[in-house]
Amino acid sequence: MSEILSRQKFNKTIYEGYGTAETTPVASVNIPDRLDTREWRVQKGHRAGTVGLPLPGSSFCVVDPETLKSLPAGEDGLILAGGTQVMLGYLKDPKKWGGHYRAGWQALVQDRRQGAPG
């Protein structure tokens, strides 16, 4: 939903984010822009059409799904999430976790890209 439509329908700005059951439940969020009164400039908190920045204590990495080598910003790949919010596995079912956990990271979504910072 575009920012204009959400404002018209709900009289609120809707900020996108992303999460899965395995990231208990949020991995990233967009936040409202903020005016930095020390420098009188706007700090962008969100970018429409994105899932935002990782939560504090978390990180994302976009890798080649086969080699797990990091990819540069703007290239499609597998998104891996790491941090304290990522669960350690499924209770009494370690096989279920096998394909989702790679090299210490939680595999989130394939064929996505990481945008340039800022």
N, C-alpha and C. Protein backbone atom coordinates (compact mmCIF):
# COMPACT_ATOMS: atom_id res chain seq x y z
N MET A 1 0.85 -1.17 0.00
CA MET A 1 0.00 0.00 0.00
C MET A 1 0.90 1.23 0.00
N SER A 2 0.62 2.17 -0.88
CA SER A 2 1.45 3.36 -0.94
C SER A 2 1.21 4.24 0.28
N GLU A 3 2.20 5.08 0.54
CA GLU A 3 2.10 5.98 1.70
C GLU A 3 0.89 6.91 1.58
N ILE A 4 0.60 7.35 0.36
CA ILE A 4 -0.53 8.25 0.14
C ILE A 4 -1.84 7.53 0.45
N LEU A 5 -2.00 6.29 -0.07
CA LEU A 5 -3.23 5.54 0.17
C LEU A 5 -3.41 5.22 1.65
N SER A 6 -2.34 4.83 2.34
CA SER A 6 -2.47 4.51 3.76
C SER A 6 -2.85 5.75 4.55
N ARG A 7 -2.34 6.90 4.16
CA ARG A 7 -2.68 8.14 4.84
C ARG A 7 -4.15 8.48 4.60
N GLN A 8 -4.63 8.28 3.36
CA GLN A 8 -6.03 8.57 3.04
C GLN A 8 -6.98 7.61 3.76
N LYS A 9 -6.65 6.33 3.78
CA LYS A 9 -7.55 5.34 4.34
C LYS A 9 -7.53 5.33 5.87
N PHE A 10 -6.34 5.39 6.47
CA PHE A 10 -6.22 5.23 7.92
C PHE A 10 -5.83 6.50 8.66
N ASN A 11 -5.52 7.56 7.91
CA ASN A 11 -5.03 8.79 8.49
C ASN A 11 -3.75 8.56 9.29
N LYS A 12 -2.96 7.58 8.87
CA LYS A 12 -1.69 7.23 9.50
C LYS A 12 -0.71 6.80 8.41
N THR A 13 0.56 6.97 8.68
CA THR A 13 1.58 6.41 7.81
C THR A 13 1.86 5.00 8.27
N ILE A 14 1.85 4.05 7.33
CA ILE A 14 2.14 2.67 7.67
C ILE A 14 3.59 2.39 7.29
N TYR A 15 4.34 1.91 8.26
CA TYR A 15 5.75 1.60 8.04
C TYR A 15 5.92 0.10 7.87
N GLU A 16 6.65 -0.27 6.83
CA GLU A 16 6.87 -1.68 6.55
C GLU A 16 7.98 -2.25 7.42
N GLY A 17 7.96 -3.55 7.56
CA GLY A 17 9.00 -4.27 8.28
C GLY A 17 9.01 -5.70 7.79
N TYR A 18 9.80 -6.55 8.44
CA TYR A 18 9.87 -7.94 8.04
C TYR A 18 10.19 -8.80 9.24
N GLY A 19 9.62 -9.98 9.26
CA GLY A 19 9.92 -10.93 10.31
C GLY A 19 9.37 -12.30 9.96
N THR A 20 9.82 -13.28 10.69
CA THR A 20 9.34 -14.65 10.53
C THR A 20 9.17 -15.24 11.93
N ALA A 21 8.56 -16.39 12.00
CA ALA A 21 8.44 -17.06 13.30
C ALA A 21 9.82 -17.31 13.88
N GLU A 22 10.79 -17.59 13.02
CA GLU A 22 12.14 -17.91 13.48
C GLU A 22 12.93 -16.69 13.95
N THR A 23 12.43 -15.50 13.65
CA THR A 23 13.12 -14.29 14.12
C THR A 23 12.33 -13.63 15.25
N THR A 24 11.47 -14.32 15.85
CA THR A 24 10.71 -14.01 17.08
C THR A 24 10.21 -12.57 17.21
N PRO A 25 9.28 -12.12 16.52
CA PRO A 25 8.86 -12.34 15.14
C PRO A 25 9.38 -11.25 14.21
N VAL A 26 10.14 -10.29 14.70
CA VAL A 26 10.55 -9.16 13.87
C VAL A 26 12.05 -9.19 13.62
N ALA A 27 12.44 -8.91 12.38
CA ALA A 27 13.86 -8.84 12.04
C ALA A 27 14.26 -7.42 11.64
N SER A 28 13.35 -6.69 11.00
CA SER A 28 13.67 -5.33 10.55
C SER A 28 12.42 -4.47 10.56
N VAL A 29 12.64 -3.16 10.66
CA VAL A 29 11.52 -2.21 10.68
C VAL A 29 11.94 -0.90 10.04
N ASN A 30 10.96 -0.20 9.53
CA ASN A 30 11.11 1.20 9.15
C ASN A 30 10.58 2.02 10.31
N ILE A 31 11.12 3.19 10.52
CA ILE A 31 10.68 4.07 11.61
C ILE A 31 10.42 5.46 11.03
N PRO A 32 9.69 6.30 11.76
CA PRO A 32 9.43 7.65 11.25
C PRO A 32 10.72 8.45 11.08
N ASP A 33 10.69 9.38 10.13
CA ASP A 33 11.81 10.30 9.99
C ASP A 33 11.88 11.16 11.26
N ARG A 34 13.06 11.69 11.52
CA ARG A 34 13.28 12.46 12.74
C ARG A 34 14.08 13.71 12.41
N LEU A 35 13.71 14.82 13.02
CA LEU A 35 14.46 16.05 12.85
C LEU A 35 15.56 16.10 13.89
N ASP A 36 16.81 16.16 13.43
CA ASP A 36 17.96 16.29 14.31
C ASP A 36 18.16 17.78 14.57
N THR A 37 17.80 18.24 15.77
CA THR A 37 17.85 19.68 16.07
C THR A 37 19.27 20.17 16.30
N ARG A 38 20.23 19.26 16.47
CA ARG A 38 21.62 19.71 16.61
C ARG A 38 22.15 20.22 15.29
N GLU A 39 21.75 19.58 14.20
CA GLU A 39 22.24 19.97 12.87
C GLU A 39 21.12 20.46 11.97
N TRP A 40 19.89 20.48 12.46
CA TRP A 40 18.71 20.91 11.71
C TRP A 40 18.62 20.22 10.36
N ARG A 41 18.68 18.90 10.42
CA ARG A 41 18.48 18.12 9.21
C ARG A 41 17.59 16.92 9.56
N VAL A 42 16.93 16.40 8.55
CA VAL A 42 16.03 15.27 8.75
C VAL A 42 16.83 13.97 8.61
N GLN A 43 16.72 13.12 9.62
CA GLN A 43 17.30 11.78 9.55
C GLN A 43 16.23 10.86 8.99
N LYS A 44 16.49 10.28 7.82
CA LYS A 44 15.51 9.39 7.19
C LYS A 44 15.41 8.11 8.01
N GLY A 45 14.20 7.79 8.43
CA GLY A 45 13.98 6.58 9.19
C GLY A 45 13.40 5.47 8.36
N HIS A 46 12.86 5.83 7.20
CA HIS A 46 12.26 4.79 6.37
C HIS A 46 12.41 5.13 4.90
N ARG A 47 12.32 4.09 4.12
CA ARG A 47 12.31 4.21 2.67
C ARG A 47 11.13 3.38 2.19
N ALA A 48 10.16 3.99 1.56
CA ALA A 48 8.96 3.28 1.08
C ALA A 48 9.36 2.13 0.17
N GLY A 49 8.67 1.00 0.32
CA GLY A 49 8.93 -0.17 -0.51
C GLY A 49 10.06 -1.05 0.00
N THR A 50 10.61 -0.73 1.18
CA THR A 50 11.67 -1.55 1.76
C THR A 50 11.20 -2.11 3.09
N VAL A 51 11.94 -3.06 3.64
CA VAL A 51 11.60 -3.62 4.95
C VAL A 51 12.37 -2.93 6.08
N GLY A 52 13.14 -1.92 5.76
CA GLY A 52 13.81 -1.15 6.78
C GLY A 52 15.15 -1.71 7.20
N LEU A 53 15.58 -1.26 8.37
CA LEU A 53 16.89 -1.64 8.90
C LEU A 53 16.75 -2.76 9.93
N PRO A 54 17.80 -3.56 10.10
CA PRO A 54 17.75 -4.60 11.13
C PRO A 54 17.56 -3.99 12.52
N LEU A 55 16.91 -4.73 13.40
CA LEU A 55 16.75 -4.28 14.78
C LEU A 55 18.11 -4.16 15.45
N PRO A 56 18.23 -3.32 16.49
CA PRO A 56 19.49 -3.26 17.23
C PRO A 56 19.91 -4.65 17.70
N GLY A 57 21.19 -4.95 17.57
CA GLY A 57 21.70 -6.27 17.95
C GLY A 57 21.54 -7.30 16.86
N SER A 58 21.07 -6.88 15.69
CA SER A 58 20.83 -7.79 14.57
C SER A 58 21.63 -7.33 13.36
N SER A 59 21.81 -8.24 12.42
CA SER A 59 22.41 -7.86 11.16
C SER A 59 21.86 -8.72 10.03
N PHE A 60 21.94 -8.17 8.83
CA PHE A 60 21.54 -8.87 7.62
C PHE A 60 22.76 -9.01 6.72
N CYS A 61 22.73 -10.03 5.92
CA CYS A 61 23.78 -10.25 4.94
C CYS A 61 23.11 -10.87 3.72
N VAL A 62 23.44 -10.41 2.53
CA VAL A 62 22.92 -11.01 1.30
C VAL A 62 24.06 -11.81 0.68
N VAL A 63 23.78 -13.11 0.45
CA VAL A 63 24.82 -14.01 -0.03
C VAL A 63 24.34 -14.80 -1.25
N ASP A 64 25.30 -15.38 -1.95
CA ASP A 64 24.98 -16.33 -3.01
C ASP A 64 24.42 -17.57 -2.32
N PRO A 65 23.24 -18.06 -2.72
CA PRO A 65 22.63 -19.19 -2.02
C PRO A 65 23.44 -20.48 -2.06
N GLU A 66 24.28 -20.64 -3.06
CA GLU A 66 25.05 -21.89 -3.16
C GLU A 66 26.40 -21.80 -2.45
N THR A 67 27.09 -20.67 -2.59
CA THR A 67 28.43 -20.56 -2.01
C THR A 67 28.44 -19.88 -0.65
N LEU A 68 27.37 -19.18 -0.31
CA LEU A 68 27.25 -18.37 0.92
C LEU A 68 28.26 -17.23 0.98
N LYS A 69 28.79 -16.84 -0.18
CA LYS A 69 29.70 -15.69 -0.23
C LYS A 69 28.87 -14.42 -0.32
N SER A 70 29.31 -13.37 0.42
CA SER A 70 28.60 -12.09 0.43
C SER A 70 28.52 -11.50 -0.97
N LEU A 71 27.38 -10.85 -1.24
CA LEU A 71 27.17 -10.18 -2.52
C LEU A 71 27.17 -8.67 -2.29
N PRO A 72 27.57 -7.90 -3.29
CA PRO A 72 27.53 -6.45 -3.15
C PRO A 72 26.10 -5.92 -3.12
N ALA A 73 25.91 -4.73 -2.57
CA ALA A 73 24.60 -4.09 -2.52
C ALA A 73 24.00 -4.03 -3.91
N GLY A 74 22.70 -4.31 -3.99
CA GLY A 74 21.98 -4.24 -5.26
C GLY A 74 21.89 -5.55 -6.00
N GLU A 75 22.62 -6.59 -5.56
CA GLU A 75 22.55 -7.89 -6.23
C GLU A 75 21.56 -8.80 -5.50
N ASP A 76 20.82 -9.60 -6.28
CA ASP A 76 19.87 -10.55 -5.69
C ASP A 76 20.60 -11.72 -5.06
N GLY A 77 20.03 -12.23 -3.98
CA GLY A 77 20.62 -13.38 -3.32
C GLY A 77 19.77 -13.84 -2.16
N LEU A 78 20.36 -14.62 -1.29
CA LEU A 78 19.70 -15.14 -0.10
C LEU A 78 19.97 -14.20 1.06
N ILE A 79 18.91 -13.77 1.75
CA ILE A 79 19.09 -12.89 2.91
C ILE A 79 19.27 -13.75 4.14
N LEU A 80 20.36 -13.49 4.87
CA LEU A 80 20.62 -14.16 6.14
C LEU A 80 20.49 -13.14 7.26
N ALA A 81 19.88 -13.55 8.36
CA ALA A 81 19.73 -12.67 9.52
C ALA A 81 20.47 -13.30 10.68
N GLY A 82 21.14 -12.47 11.45
CA GLY A 82 21.83 -12.94 12.64
C GLY A 82 21.53 -12.01 13.80
N GLY A 83 21.57 -12.55 14.99
CA GLY A 83 21.35 -11.72 16.17
C GLY A 83 20.63 -12.49 17.25
N THR A 84 20.39 -11.80 18.33
CA THR A 84 19.80 -12.45 19.50
C THR A 84 18.35 -12.84 19.30
N GLN A 85 17.66 -12.25 18.32
CA GLN A 85 16.25 -12.57 18.11
C GLN A 85 16.05 -13.82 17.27
N VAL A 86 17.11 -14.36 16.68
CA VAL A 86 16.99 -15.55 15.84
C VAL A 86 16.97 -16.79 16.73
N MET A 87 15.94 -17.61 16.56
CA MET A 87 15.82 -18.79 17.42
C MET A 87 16.91 -19.81 17.12
N LEU A 88 17.17 -20.69 18.06
CA LEU A 88 18.25 -21.66 17.95
C LEU A 88 17.84 -22.94 17.26
N GLY A 89 16.55 -23.18 17.08
CA GLY A 89 16.08 -24.39 16.42
C GLY A 89 14.68 -24.74 16.89
N TYR A 90 14.14 -25.81 16.33
CA TYR A 90 12.81 -26.28 16.69
C TYR A 90 12.91 -27.32 17.79
N LEU A 91 12.11 -27.18 18.82
CA LEU A 91 12.12 -28.09 19.96
C LEU A 91 11.83 -29.51 19.50
N LYS A 92 12.71 -30.42 19.84
CA LYS A 92 12.57 -31.85 19.55
C LYS A 92 12.46 -32.16 18.05
N ASP A 93 12.92 -31.25 17.20
CA ASP A 93 12.87 -31.50 15.75
C ASP A 93 14.05 -30.81 15.05
N PRO A 94 15.29 -31.24 15.36
CA PRO A 94 16.46 -30.57 14.78
C PRO A 94 16.54 -30.68 13.26
N LYS A 95 15.96 -31.73 12.67
CA LYS A 95 16.01 -31.88 11.21
C LYS A 95 15.24 -30.77 10.50
N LYS A 96 14.18 -30.31 11.11
CA LYS A 96 13.36 -29.25 10.50
C LYS A 96 14.17 -27.97 10.34
N TRP A 97 15.11 -27.73 11.22
CA TRP A 97 15.90 -26.50 11.21
C TRP A 97 17.01 -26.53 10.18
N GLY A 98 17.46 -27.72 9.80
CA GLY A 98 18.63 -27.89 8.96
C GLY A 98 18.75 -26.98 7.75
N GLY A 99 17.73 -26.87 6.94
CA GLY A 99 17.83 -26.07 5.72
C GLY A 99 17.70 -24.58 5.92
N HIS A 100 17.33 -24.16 7.11
CA HIS A 100 17.09 -22.74 7.34
C HIS A 100 18.26 -22.04 8.03
N TYR A 101 19.15 -22.79 8.60
CA TYR A 101 20.23 -22.21 9.39
C TYR A 101 21.55 -22.48 8.68
N ARG A 102 22.24 -21.42 8.29
CA ARG A 102 23.46 -21.59 7.52
C ARG A 102 24.57 -20.73 8.09
N ALA A 103 25.68 -21.36 8.37
CA ALA A 103 26.89 -20.64 8.80
C ALA A 103 26.63 -19.67 9.94
N GLY A 104 25.78 -20.06 10.90
CA GLY A 104 25.49 -19.19 12.04
C GLY A 104 24.45 -18.13 11.78
N TRP A 105 23.79 -18.17 10.64
CA TRP A 105 22.78 -17.18 10.25
C TRP A 105 21.47 -17.89 9.96
N GLN A 106 20.36 -17.19 10.14
CA GLN A 106 19.03 -17.69 9.78
C GLN A 106 18.74 -17.28 8.34
N ALA A 107 18.47 -18.25 7.47
CA ALA A 107 18.13 -17.96 6.08
C ALA A 107 16.69 -17.45 6.03
N LEU A 108 16.49 -16.26 5.50
CA LEU A 108 15.16 -15.65 5.48
C LEU A 108 14.47 -15.80 4.13
N VAL A 109 14.97 -15.14 3.12
CA VAL A 109 14.27 -15.07 1.84
C VAL A 109 15.28 -15.16 0.71
N GLN A 110 14.95 -15.93 -0.32
CA GLN A 110 15.81 -15.97 -1.50
C GLN A 110 15.37 -14.92 -2.50
N ASP A 111 16.30 -14.58 -3.38
CA ASP A 111 16.04 -13.65 -4.49
C ASP A 111 15.61 -12.27 -4.02
N ARG A 112 16.31 -11.76 -3.05
CA ARG A 112 16.10 -10.39 -2.61
C ARG A 112 17.42 -9.67 -2.67
N ARG A 113 17.38 -8.35 -2.53
CA ARG A 113 18.63 -7.60 -2.59
C ARG A 113 18.72 -6.62 -1.44
N GLN A 114 19.93 -6.28 -1.13
CA GLN A 114 20.21 -5.31 -0.09
C GLN A 114 20.52 -4.00 -0.77
N GLY A 115 19.80 -2.97 -0.37
CA GLY A 115 20.02 -1.67 -0.97
C GLY A 115 21.25 -0.99 -0.41
N ALA A 116 21.66 0.06 -1.08
CA ALA A 116 22.80 0.83 -0.59
C ALA A 116 22.41 1.50 0.73
N PRO A 117 23.35 1.64 1.65
CA PRO A 117 23.04 2.29 2.93
C PRO A 117 22.55 3.72 2.73
N GLY A 118 21.73 4.17 3.69
CA GLY A 118 21.31 5.56 3.65
C GLY A 118 19.95 5.79 3.23
